[in-house]
Amino acid sequence: MSPVLLLTFVALYFLILLVVAWYTSRNSNNDSFFIGNRNSNWMLVAFGMIGTSLSGVTFVSVPGTVGAGAFGYFQVVLGYFIGYFIVAFILLPLYYRLNLTSIYSYLQSRFGITSYKTGALFFIISRTLGATARLYLVINVLQIFILDNLGVPFGLTAFIILLMILLYTFEGGVKTIVFTDTLQTTFMLLGLVVCVFYIMGQLSFSFAESMTALEAKQFTKIFNTDVNSAGFWLKQIAGGAFITIGMTGLDQEMMQKNISVKNLGDSKKNMITFSVVLVVVNFLFLLLGGLLYLFAENNGLAVKGDDLFPTVALSHVPAVISIIFIIGLISALFPSADGALTALTSSFCIDIIGLKRRADWDEAKRKTVRLTVHITFAVIFFLLILLFKFINNKSIIDIILKVAGFTYGPLLGLFCFGIFTKRQINDSKAIWVCLAAPLIILGIDFVNNIEWYARQLKLAPETMQGIQQLSENVFGKFKIGYELLIYNGLLTYVGLMLISKRQSSGDAPLTNRSGNDA
């Protein structure tokens, strides 16, 4: 497949996004950027959020996991499904009742300014690392299969793609993203469905025959019953549920789109519809992964992991399928990046700078600050993408979920303590609790999963022998999995309890207050 032809389709796709951005950003203002003027259609938000939640990581990494873990990732997906209902019926009502632009301003009304800024800071760290990891994965695929052949350096590729994203989110923000995400999700799902049916056709399988062949290779196994394994079903489902609560319900990027919907009822419909569709789509990605491994075996391809789908789609199928794959891939790339860039700008402006509290700033001044922050985060994204290229990990999805376990844990602890207790904390000490909890959990997880950390840090086997022995002495065969976020949240909760006291009887429950962000 000609790299020039593929690059041409990428350019044409981007031009379509620019046209949509121009149309939707007309007469936009700061409220358009931050919350879409609270006028977003719930069906568009639900559909567009599929692309945001899946991203290029799902598009590339999830099919690759089937070779080593069969359909085990579906355990996490079931957890996601449970988590979305918790978000819909516990967190969304809270956000709408308080009429929030930034969800972290809840922490200010409940605890104080330190807790508020601590929550926002952890979101900024979490989303920056997660978004750049996702971006790196897709940019690296484009680089290896298209741009290396044209002599374009990786740094220039990353710069141009970030510039594209910056251009179409610069003015409209959420108002634009609701529409561009809908477009991009459509192309991503089209790419997925076409690839599934093409590979099935090449293998001469019907759906039933595909499942039979995959079962014969033991690829369809979902539930892991080894309680000591990191993949044990209960750990995976519980971890998936709390990952959803953290990475969706406590994430400004995801909630920014939900609270841009007109009312709570429509926002709930958005979340429930989205959760059902997401389960089906993730199953299709796992099915595709199994089919790709069968295809690779039949064609003598020694490829696996994150390299599997791109290698087959760009080197061993007709040109039209390669084009559909590339369009699907970049459609998976942009929703996770544009939403993150917009949400980070929103959170930093509202939560850290206090843009809405600056009574002495007019609309023009606020817009100048917002655009400056937006560009600054684009530069940070660029630098972190270069860092991920230096690390050059082959399975990005593990890194993203591991990082989420540390960075969303304090947010989980803060919100749970605020919602489920009436105690008041010593606000000035909140940041120390939220820093101590993930550091303690990091130390525990480092000992427990030393093999994983050794691979990431490229440590020599002899370097880790002492820690490996310590791990076996302390934990035996038990391995911490995706439930890491739960341990982190619990430790944060306990720490907050230690720095708290009962509210005096005269104090009204702060969670019932309504009003705009402070």
Protein backbone atom coordinates (compact mmCIF):
# COMPACT_ATOMS: atom_id res chain seq x y z
CA MET A 1 0.00 0.00 0.00
CA SER A 2 1.45 3.35 -1.04
CA PRO A 3 2.37 5.52 2.01
CA VAL A 4 1.59 8.64 -0.05
CA LEU A 5 -1.95 7.41 -0.77
CA LEU A 6 -2.56 6.60 2.91
CA LEU A 7 -1.21 9.99 3.94
CA THR A 8 -3.55 11.64 1.43
CA PHE A 9 -6.56 10.04 3.10
CA VAL A 10 -5.31 11.19 6.52
CA ALA A 11 -5.08 14.76 5.19
CA LEU A 12 -8.56 14.61 3.64
CA TYR A 13 -10.01 13.27 6.88
CA PHE A 14 -8.45 16.14 8.81
CA LEU A 15 -9.90 18.67 6.37
CA ILE A 16 -13.37 17.28 7.11
CA LEU A 17 -12.73 17.80 10.85
CA LEU A 18 -11.66 21.40 10.20
CA VAL A 19 -14.87 22.09 8.28
CA VAL A 20 -16.97 20.65 11.14
CA ALA A 21 -14.93 22.67 13.66
CA TRP A 22 -15.41 25.88 11.68
CA TYR A 23 -19.15 25.34 11.41
CA THR A 24 -19.72 24.44 15.08
CA SER A 25 -17.42 27.10 16.57
CA ARG A 26 -19.17 30.07 14.98
CA ASN A 27 -20.30 32.58 17.65
CA SER A 28 -18.66 30.45 20.34
CA ASN A 29 -17.57 31.84 23.70
CA ASN A 30 -15.98 30.55 26.90
CA ASP A 31 -19.19 28.72 27.92
CA SER A 32 -19.22 27.01 24.51
CA PHE A 33 -15.64 25.86 25.08
CA PHE A 34 -16.16 24.62 28.65
CA ILE A 35 -19.68 23.09 28.67
CA GLY A 36 -21.12 23.52 25.15
CA ASN A 37 -23.59 26.12 26.47
CA ARG A 38 -25.37 23.18 28.22
CA ASN A 39 -27.19 22.49 24.99
CA SER A 40 -25.67 19.24 23.70
CA ASN A 41 -27.89 16.50 22.29
CA TRP A 42 -27.68 13.44 24.56
CA MET A 43 -27.69 10.97 21.66
CA LEU A 44 -24.71 12.70 20.02
CA VAL A 45 -22.84 12.78 23.34
CA ALA A 46 -23.53 9.07 23.99
CA PHE A 47 -22.38 8.02 20.53
CA GLY A 48 -19.32 10.29 20.55
CA MET A 49 -18.25 9.08 23.99
CA ILE A 50 -17.75 5.58 22.54
CA GLY A 51 -14.81 6.89 20.53
CA THR A 52 -13.45 8.84 23.50
CA SER A 53 -13.59 5.84 25.83
CA LEU A 54 -12.15 3.34 23.38
CA SER A 55 -9.38 5.43 21.77
CA GLY A 56 -6.50 4.11 19.71
CA VAL A 57 -5.44 1.89 22.60
CA THR A 58 -8.58 -0.26 22.28
CA PHE A 59 -8.30 -0.20 18.50
CA VAL A 60 -4.74 -1.54 18.53
CA SER A 61 -4.02 -3.06 21.96
CA VAL A 62 -7.20 -4.98 22.84
CA PRO A 63 -7.08 -7.28 19.78
CA GLY A 64 -3.42 -7.94 20.62
CA THR A 65 -4.24 -9.09 24.17
CA VAL A 66 -6.16 -12.14 22.92
CA GLY A 67 -2.98 -14.10 22.16
CA ALA A 68 -1.84 -14.09 25.79
CA GLY A 69 -5.06 -13.52 27.73
CA ALA A 70 -7.83 -14.91 25.46
CA PHE A 71 -11.08 -12.97 26.06
CA GLY A 72 -10.02 -12.24 29.65
CA TYR A 73 -10.20 -8.48 29.05
CA PHE A 74 -13.99 -8.90 28.82
CA GLN A 75 -14.00 -9.35 32.62
CA VAL A 76 -12.83 -5.74 32.89
CA VAL A 77 -15.48 -4.69 30.35
CA LEU A 78 -18.21 -6.22 32.56
CA GLY A 79 -16.81 -4.13 35.39
CA TYR A 80 -16.98 -1.05 33.20
CA PHE A 81 -20.67 -1.77 32.60
CA ILE A 82 -21.40 -1.85 36.34
CA GLY A 83 -19.36 1.30 36.88
CA TYR A 84 -21.33 3.32 34.32
CA PHE A 85 -24.58 2.70 36.23
CA ILE A 86 -22.94 3.93 39.44
CA VAL A 87 -21.83 7.08 37.62
CA ALA A 88 -25.32 7.59 36.14
CA PHE A 89 -27.26 7.23 39.38
CA ILE A 90 -24.86 8.59 42.03
CA LEU A 91 -22.44 11.08 40.48
CA LEU A 92 -24.47 12.67 37.67
CA PRO A 93 -27.33 13.72 40.01
CA LEU A 94 -24.76 15.37 42.28
CA TYR A 95 -23.13 17.30 39.44
CA TYR A 96 -26.45 18.52 38.06
CA ARG A 97 -27.78 19.49 41.49
CA LEU A 98 -24.74 21.67 42.09
CA ASN A 99 -24.83 23.07 38.53
CA LEU A 100 -21.09 22.47 38.04
CA THR A 101 -18.82 23.45 35.19
CA SER A 102 -15.83 21.73 36.78
CA ILE A 103 -16.77 18.62 38.78
CA TYR A 104 -13.89 19.26 41.19
CA SER A 105 -15.51 22.42 42.53
CA TYR A 106 -17.73 19.99 44.48
CA LEU A 107 -14.66 19.31 46.63
CA GLN A 108 -14.38 23.01 47.46
CA SER A 109 -17.98 23.26 48.65
CA ARG A 110 -17.60 20.02 50.63
CA PHE A 111 -14.10 20.34 52.11
CA GLY A 112 -12.27 23.51 51.08
CA ILE A 113 -9.89 25.06 48.58
CA THR A 114 -6.96 22.67 49.19
CA SER A 115 -9.06 19.56 48.54
CA TYR A 116 -10.53 21.24 45.47
CA LYS A 117 -7.17 22.06 43.92
CA THR A 118 -5.77 18.66 44.96
CA GLY A 119 -8.57 16.86 43.09
CA ALA A 120 -8.06 19.03 40.01
CA LEU A 121 -4.30 18.48 40.15
CA PHE A 122 -4.67 14.68 40.23
CA PHE A 123 -7.05 14.84 37.27
CA ILE A 124 -4.57 16.98 35.31
CA ILE A 125 -1.73 14.53 36.01
CA SER A 126 -3.92 11.48 35.24
CA ARG A 127 -5.41 12.74 32.02
CA THR A 128 -2.14 14.19 30.73
CA LEU A 129 -0.29 10.89 31.15
CA GLY A 130 -3.20 8.76 29.88
CA ALA A 131 -3.93 10.92 26.84
CA THR A 132 -0.31 11.15 25.75
CA ALA A 133 0.16 7.38 26.11
CA ARG A 134 -2.86 6.83 23.85
CA LEU A 135 -1.62 9.41 21.38
CA TYR A 136 1.84 7.88 21.28
CA LEU A 137 0.48 4.45 20.39
CA VAL A 138 -1.44 5.66 17.33
CA ILE A 139 1.21 8.13 16.19
CA ASN A 140 3.80 5.35 16.40
CA VAL A 141 1.68 3.11 14.14
CA LEU A 142 1.35 5.90 11.57
CA GLN A 143 5.08 6.53 11.84
CA ILE A 144 6.19 2.93 11.37
CA PHE A 145 3.83 1.99 8.55
CA ILE A 146 3.57 5.28 6.62
CA LEU A 147 5.89 8.11 7.55
CA ASP A 148 9.16 6.20 8.08
CA ASN A 149 8.88 5.21 4.41
CA LEU A 150 8.63 8.90 3.48
CA GLY A 151 11.62 9.88 5.61
CA VAL A 152 9.54 11.94 8.05
CA PRO A 153 11.00 11.93 11.61
CA PHE A 154 8.82 10.88 14.55
CA GLY A 155 9.08 14.28 16.24
CA LEU A 156 7.70 16.06 13.19
CA THR A 157 4.82 13.57 12.93
CA ALA A 158 3.86 14.17 16.56
CA PHE A 159 4.10 17.94 16.10
CA ILE A 160 1.86 17.99 13.01
CA ILE A 161 -0.82 15.78 14.55
CA LEU A 162 -0.93 17.88 17.72
CA LEU A 163 -1.14 21.00 15.58
CA MET A 164 -4.14 19.46 13.78
CA ILE A 165 -5.89 18.76 17.07
CA LEU A 166 -5.07 22.24 18.35
CA LEU A 167 -6.53 23.87 15.25
CA TYR A 168 -9.97 22.28 15.41
CA THR A 169 -10.40 22.56 19.21
CA PHE A 170 -9.00 26.09 19.53
CA GLU A 171 -12.31 27.97 19.45
CA GLY A 172 -15.27 25.65 19.91
CA GLY A 173 -14.03 23.31 22.65
CA VAL A 174 -16.80 21.01 23.91
CA LYS A 175 -19.33 22.49 21.49
CA THR A 176 -17.14 21.34 18.57
CA ILE A 177 -15.99 18.07 20.14
CA VAL A 178 -19.53 16.74 20.61
CA PHE A 179 -19.91 16.80 16.80
CA THR A 180 -16.38 15.76 15.80
CA ASP A 181 -16.49 12.82 18.24
CA THR A 182 -19.72 11.63 16.64
CA LEU A 183 -18.10 11.73 13.20
CA GLN A 184 -14.96 10.00 14.42
CA THR A 185 -16.82 7.27 16.33
CA THR A 186 -18.75 6.49 13.13
CA PHE A 187 -15.54 5.98 11.14
CA MET A 188 -13.90 4.01 13.95
CA LEU A 189 -16.81 1.56 14.24
CA LEU A 190 -16.97 1.28 10.45
CA GLY A 191 -13.30 0.32 10.41
CA LEU A 192 -13.88 -2.27 13.15
CA VAL A 193 -16.89 -3.92 11.49
CA VAL A 194 -15.32 -3.99 8.02
CA CYS A 195 -12.12 -5.58 9.34
CA VAL A 196 -14.07 -8.23 11.31
CA PHE A 197 -16.10 -9.27 8.27
CA TYR A 198 -13.09 -9.17 5.92
CA ILE A 199 -10.95 -11.45 8.13
CA MET A 200 -13.90 -13.81 8.65
CA GLY A 201 -14.29 -13.94 4.87
CA GLN A 202 -10.61 -14.68 4.34
CA LEU A 203 -10.86 -17.54 6.83
CA SER A 204 -14.12 -18.74 5.17
CA PHE A 205 -15.90 -18.63 8.53
CA SER A 206 -19.41 -17.65 9.53
CA PHE A 207 -19.82 -16.06 12.96
CA ALA A 208 -20.66 -19.45 14.53
CA GLU A 209 -17.70 -21.12 12.81
CA SER A 210 -15.43 -18.29 13.97
CA MET A 211 -16.45 -18.82 17.60
CA THR A 212 -15.93 -22.58 17.24
CA ALA A 213 -12.42 -22.08 15.80
CA LEU A 214 -11.53 -19.58 18.49
CA GLU A 215 -12.82 -21.91 21.20
CA ALA A 216 -10.65 -24.71 19.82
CA LYS A 217 -7.62 -22.40 20.31
CA GLN A 218 -8.93 -21.52 23.81
CA PHE A 219 -9.19 -17.86 22.80
CA THR A 220 -12.80 -17.50 23.99
CA LYS A 221 -12.06 -18.13 27.67
CA ILE A 222 -13.32 -15.17 29.68
CA PHE A 223 -13.26 -15.97 33.39
CA ASN A 224 -10.03 -16.58 35.31
CA THR A 225 -10.76 -18.61 38.46
CA ASP A 226 -7.23 -18.48 39.97
CA VAL A 227 -7.69 -16.29 43.05
CA ASN A 228 -3.95 -15.57 43.24
CA SER A 229 -3.74 -14.35 39.64
CA ALA A 230 -3.84 -10.66 38.74
CA GLY A 231 -6.49 -11.70 36.19
CA PHE A 232 -8.84 -13.35 38.74
CA TRP A 233 -12.43 -12.55 37.65
CA LEU A 234 -13.49 -10.76 40.82
CA LYS A 235 -10.39 -8.53 40.78
CA GLN A 236 -10.94 -7.71 37.11
CA ILE A 237 -14.65 -6.93 37.41
CA ALA A 238 -14.22 -4.88 40.59
CA GLY A 239 -11.19 -3.15 39.10
CA GLY A 240 -13.09 -2.40 35.89
CA ALA A 241 -16.04 -0.92 37.83
CA PHE A 242 -13.82 1.40 39.85
CA ILE A 243 -11.70 2.30 36.83
CA THR A 244 -14.94 3.49 35.20
CA ILE A 245 -15.94 5.45 38.30
CA GLY A 246 -12.48 7.06 38.35
CA MET A 247 -11.73 7.49 34.64
CA THR A 248 -15.29 8.49 33.69
CA GLY A 249 -17.26 9.62 36.73
CA LEU A 250 -14.41 11.53 38.37
CA ASP A 251 -12.82 12.68 35.12
CA GLN A 252 -13.47 16.21 33.92
CA GLU A 253 -13.04 15.22 30.26
CA MET A 254 -15.80 12.61 30.32
CA MET A 255 -18.12 14.48 32.67
CA GLN A 256 -17.61 17.75 30.80
CA LYS A 257 -19.48 16.21 27.88
CA ASN A 258 -22.20 14.68 30.07
CA ILE A 259 -22.99 17.88 31.94
CA SER A 260 -23.16 19.70 28.61
CA VAL A 261 -26.44 17.80 28.03
CA LYS A 262 -29.61 19.82 28.69
CA ASN A 263 -30.88 17.98 31.78
CA LEU A 264 -30.15 15.11 34.18
CA GLY A 265 -32.66 12.73 32.61
CA ASP A 266 -31.08 12.99 29.18
CA SER A 267 -27.61 12.72 30.68
CA LYS A 268 -28.59 9.44 32.38
CA LYS A 269 -29.99 8.12 29.10
CA ASN A 270 -26.69 9.05 27.47
CA MET A 271 -24.66 7.12 30.06
CA ILE A 272 -26.82 3.97 30.03
CA THR A 273 -27.04 3.80 26.23
CA PHE A 274 -23.32 4.36 25.93
CA SER A 275 -22.52 1.59 28.45
CA VAL A 276 -24.55 -1.03 26.58
CA VAL A 277 -23.01 -0.16 23.21
CA LEU A 278 -19.53 -0.17 24.73
CA VAL A 279 -19.90 -3.79 25.89
CA VAL A 280 -20.85 -4.90 22.38
CA VAL A 281 -18.04 -2.93 20.74
CA ASN A 282 -15.39 -4.32 23.11
CA PHE A 283 -16.60 -7.84 22.37
CA LEU A 284 -16.15 -7.13 18.65
CA PHE A 285 -12.58 -5.97 19.28
CA LEU A 286 -11.82 -9.21 21.13
CA LEU A 287 -13.45 -11.23 18.35
CA LEU A 288 -11.31 -9.36 15.84
CA GLY A 289 -8.22 -10.12 17.91
CA GLY A 290 -8.92 -13.83 17.87
CA LEU A 291 -9.57 -13.78 14.12
CA LEU A 292 -6.34 -11.87 13.53
CA TYR A 293 -4.34 -14.50 15.42
CA LEU A 294 -5.95 -17.24 13.31
CA PHE A 295 -5.19 -15.25 10.16
CA ALA A 296 -1.57 -14.71 11.23
CA GLU A 297 -1.14 -18.43 11.95
CA ASN A 298 -2.58 -19.40 8.56
CA ASN A 299 -0.27 -16.96 6.78
CA GLY A 300 2.89 -17.73 8.78
CA LEU A 301 3.08 -14.31 10.44
CA ALA A 302 5.13 -14.25 13.66
CA VAL A 303 3.53 -11.11 15.09
CA LYS A 304 1.55 -10.44 18.27
CA GLY A 305 0.52 -7.77 20.77
CA ASP A 306 0.14 -4.15 19.67
CA ASP A 307 1.86 -4.93 16.35
CA LEU A 308 -0.66 -7.57 15.24
CA PHE A 309 -3.58 -5.50 13.91
CA PRO A 310 -1.48 -2.81 12.13
CA THR A 311 0.79 -5.41 10.51
CA VAL A 312 -2.10 -7.42 9.08
CA ALA A 313 -4.18 -4.38 8.11
CA LEU A 314 -1.40 -2.49 6.36
CA SER A 315 0.70 -5.28 4.85
CA HIS A 316 -1.47 -8.33 4.16
CA VAL A 317 -4.87 -7.09 2.95
CA PRO A 318 -6.16 -5.19 -0.11
CA ALA A 319 -5.59 -1.43 -0.34
CA VAL A 320 -9.20 -0.54 0.42
CA ILE A 321 -9.07 -2.40 3.76
CA SER A 322 -5.79 -0.65 4.61
CA ILE A 323 -7.43 2.72 3.94
CA ILE A 324 -10.42 1.82 6.13
CA PHE A 325 -8.04 0.70 8.89
CA ILE A 326 -6.09 3.98 8.78
CA ILE A 327 -9.28 6.05 8.85
CA GLY A 328 -10.57 3.95 11.76
CA LEU A 329 -7.26 4.31 13.58
CA ILE A 330 -7.05 8.09 13.32
CA SER A 331 -10.76 8.25 14.19
CA ALA A 332 -9.83 6.43 17.38
CA LEU A 333 -6.88 8.77 17.93
CA PHE A 334 -8.57 12.16 17.73
CA PRO A 335 -11.52 11.71 20.18
CA SER A 336 -9.23 10.73 23.07
CA ALA A 337 -6.78 13.54 22.33
CA ASP A 338 -9.07 16.45 21.50
CA GLY A 339 -11.33 15.83 24.51
CA ALA A 340 -8.34 15.51 26.84
CA LEU A 341 -6.75 18.70 25.58
CA THR A 342 -10.03 20.59 26.01
CA ALA A 343 -10.77 19.13 29.45
CA LEU A 344 -7.27 19.86 30.73
CA THR A 345 -7.57 23.44 29.54
CA SER A 346 -10.96 23.73 31.24
CA SER A 347 -9.76 22.25 34.52
CA PHE A 348 -6.59 24.33 34.67
CA CYS A 349 -8.44 27.56 33.82
CA ILE A 350 -11.38 27.03 36.17
CA ASP A 351 -9.83 25.00 39.01
CA ILE A 352 -6.22 26.16 39.21
CA ILE A 353 -6.29 29.71 37.82
CA GLY A 354 -9.85 30.39 39.00
CA LEU A 355 -10.87 32.00 35.72
CA LYS A 356 -14.56 32.25 36.66
CA ARG A 357 -13.70 33.93 39.97
CA ARG A 358 -11.70 36.71 38.30
CA ALA A 359 -14.28 39.47 38.40
CA ASP A 360 -11.74 41.98 37.08
CA TRP A 361 -11.21 39.99 33.85
CA ASP A 362 -13.49 40.67 30.91
CA GLU A 363 -14.48 38.02 28.33
CA ALA A 364 -11.57 38.93 26.04
CA LYS A 365 -9.01 38.55 28.84
CA ARG A 366 -10.45 35.19 29.86
CA LYS A 367 -10.34 33.97 26.28
CA THR A 368 -6.68 35.01 25.94
CA VAL A 369 -5.78 33.08 29.10
CA ARG A 370 -7.77 30.04 27.92
CA LEU A 371 -6.05 29.94 24.52
CA THR A 372 -2.61 30.33 26.16
CA VAL A 373 -3.30 27.39 28.48
CA HIS A 374 -4.61 25.34 25.55
CA ILE A 375 -1.38 25.85 23.59
CA THR A 376 0.73 25.12 26.68
CA PHE A 377 -0.92 21.74 27.20
CA ALA A 378 -0.36 20.92 23.52
CA VAL A 379 3.37 21.54 24.08
CA ILE A 380 3.33 19.30 27.19
CA PHE A 381 1.60 16.58 25.15
CA PHE A 382 4.33 16.82 22.54
CA LEU A 383 7.15 16.41 25.08
CA LEU A 384 5.49 13.43 26.78
CA ILE A 385 4.88 11.69 23.45
CA LEU A 386 8.61 11.94 22.77
CA LEU A 387 9.22 10.43 26.23
CA PHE A 388 6.93 7.47 25.46
CA LYS A 389 8.81 6.96 22.21
CA PHE A 390 12.03 6.74 24.22
CA ILE A 391 10.47 4.14 26.58
CA ASN A 392 9.00 2.27 23.55
CA ASN A 393 6.69 -0.09 25.47
CA LYS A 394 4.91 -2.75 23.39
CA SER A 395 1.66 -2.91 25.40
CA ILE A 396 0.42 0.57 26.25
CA ILE A 397 -2.94 -0.53 27.69
CA ASP A 398 -1.23 -2.05 30.75
CA ILE A 399 0.60 1.20 31.45
CA ILE A 400 -2.56 3.31 31.12
CA LEU A 401 -4.59 1.16 33.53
CA LYS A 402 -1.67 0.95 35.97
CA VAL A 403 -1.21 4.73 36.00
CA ALA A 404 -4.97 5.16 36.47
CA GLY A 405 -4.79 3.00 39.59
CA PHE A 406 -2.40 5.46 41.20
CA THR A 407 -3.66 8.82 39.98
CA TYR A 408 -7.44 8.29 40.19
CA GLY A 409 -7.24 6.58 43.61
CA PRO A 410 -7.03 9.85 45.60
CA LEU A 411 -9.96 11.26 43.59
CA LEU A 412 -11.99 8.14 44.39
CA GLY A 413 -11.17 8.49 48.09
CA LEU A 414 -12.01 12.21 48.20
CA PHE A 415 -15.37 11.89 46.44
CA CYS A 416 -16.43 8.78 48.37
CA PHE A 417 -15.56 10.44 51.69
CA GLY A 418 -17.51 13.54 50.70
CA ILE A 419 -20.59 11.68 49.46
CA PHE A 420 -20.86 8.87 52.02
CA THR A 421 -19.87 10.67 55.25
CA LYS A 422 -20.88 13.91 56.97
CA ARG A 423 -17.47 14.40 58.55
CA GLN A 424 -15.36 17.48 57.86
CA ILE A 425 -11.63 17.07 57.16
CA ASN A 426 -8.68 19.30 57.98
CA ASP A 427 -8.56 20.72 54.48
CA SER A 428 -4.93 21.89 54.65
CA LYS A 429 -3.78 18.27 55.20
CA ALA A 430 -5.79 16.76 52.34
CA ILE A 431 -2.99 17.09 49.79
CA TRP A 432 -0.58 15.16 52.03
CA VAL A 433 -3.04 12.28 52.42
CA CYS A 434 -3.62 12.23 48.66
CA LEU A 435 0.13 12.14 47.98
CA ALA A 436 0.95 9.57 50.67
CA ALA A 437 -1.70 7.01 49.62
CA PRO A 438 -0.52 6.39 46.03
CA LEU A 439 3.14 6.42 47.13
CA ILE A 440 2.45 3.72 49.72
CA ILE A 441 0.45 1.67 47.20
CA LEU A 442 3.22 2.16 44.63
CA GLY A 443 5.74 0.65 47.06
CA ILE A 444 3.46 -2.32 47.76
CA ASP A 445 2.70 -2.87 44.08
CA PHE A 446 6.37 -2.56 43.14
CA VAL A 447 7.24 -5.45 45.44
CA ASN A 448 4.18 -7.49 44.45
CA ASN A 449 4.58 -7.03 40.67
CA ILE A 450 8.35 -6.65 40.38
CA GLU A 451 8.40 -8.59 37.11
CA TRP A 452 6.12 -5.99 35.47
CA TYR A 453 8.20 -3.06 36.71
CA ALA A 454 11.43 -4.80 35.66
CA ARG A 455 10.12 -5.07 32.08
CA GLN A 456 9.13 -1.38 31.97
CA LEU A 457 12.43 -0.21 33.47
CA LYS A 458 14.45 -2.77 31.46
CA LEU A 459 16.13 -4.10 34.61
CA ALA A 460 18.53 -7.02 34.45
CA PRO A 461 17.19 -10.25 36.07
CA GLU A 462 19.94 -10.25 38.71
CA THR A 463 18.93 -6.74 39.77
CA MET A 464 15.46 -7.87 40.82
CA GLN A 465 16.30 -11.16 42.53
CA GLY A 466 16.24 -9.72 46.06
CA ILE A 467 12.90 -7.98 45.54
CA GLN A 468 11.51 -11.10 43.85
CA GLN A 469 12.36 -13.14 46.94
CA LEU A 470 10.79 -10.50 49.20
CA SER A 471 7.64 -10.56 47.05
CA GLU A 472 7.33 -14.33 47.35
CA ASN A 473 7.89 -14.20 51.13
CA VAL A 474 5.26 -11.49 51.69
CA PHE A 475 2.61 -12.19 49.06
CA GLY A 476 3.19 -15.80 48.08
CA LYS A 477 1.55 -16.34 44.69
CA PHE A 478 -1.01 -13.52 45.13
CA LYS A 479 -0.78 -10.78 42.47
CA ILE A 480 -2.44 -7.37 42.52
CA GLY A 481 -4.41 -6.64 39.35
CA TYR A 482 -6.59 -3.78 38.16
CA GLU A 483 -8.17 -3.56 41.62
CA LEU A 484 -5.10 -1.46 42.50
CA LEU A 485 -7.31 1.65 42.23
CA ILE A 486 -9.62 0.29 44.96
CA TYR A 487 -6.72 -0.19 47.41
CA ASN A 488 -5.50 3.31 46.63
CA GLY A 489 -8.97 4.81 47.14
CA LEU A 490 -9.46 2.92 50.40
CA LEU A 491 -6.12 4.09 51.77
CA THR A 492 -6.99 7.67 50.83
CA TYR A 493 -10.38 7.25 52.54
CA VAL A 494 -8.72 5.97 55.74
CA GLY A 495 -6.23 8.85 55.66
CA LEU A 496 -9.06 11.38 55.31
CA MET A 497 -10.86 9.74 58.22
CA LEU A 498 -7.76 10.28 60.38
CA ILE A 499 -7.70 14.01 59.63
CA SER A 500 -11.47 14.49 60.01
CA LYS A 501 -13.96 15.33 62.74
CA ARG A 502 -17.72 15.20 63.06
CA GLN A 503 -19.64 18.13 61.61
CA SER A 504 -21.28 20.29 64.20
CA SER A 505 -25.05 19.86 64.36
CA GLY A 506 -25.60 23.37 63.07
CA ASP A 507 -23.80 22.75 59.79
CA ALA A 508 -25.98 21.96 56.77
CA PRO A 509 -24.85 19.03 54.60
CA LEU A 510 -22.63 20.65 52.02
CA THR A 511 -23.54 18.14 49.33
CA ASN A 512 -27.02 19.62 49.12
CA ARG A 513 -25.88 23.09 48.21
CA SER A 514 -26.54 24.30 44.71
CA GLY A 515 -24.99 26.99 42.60
CA ASN A 516 -22.25 27.65 40.12
CA ASP A 517 -18.55 26.95 40.50
CA ALA A 518 -16.83 29.14 43.02
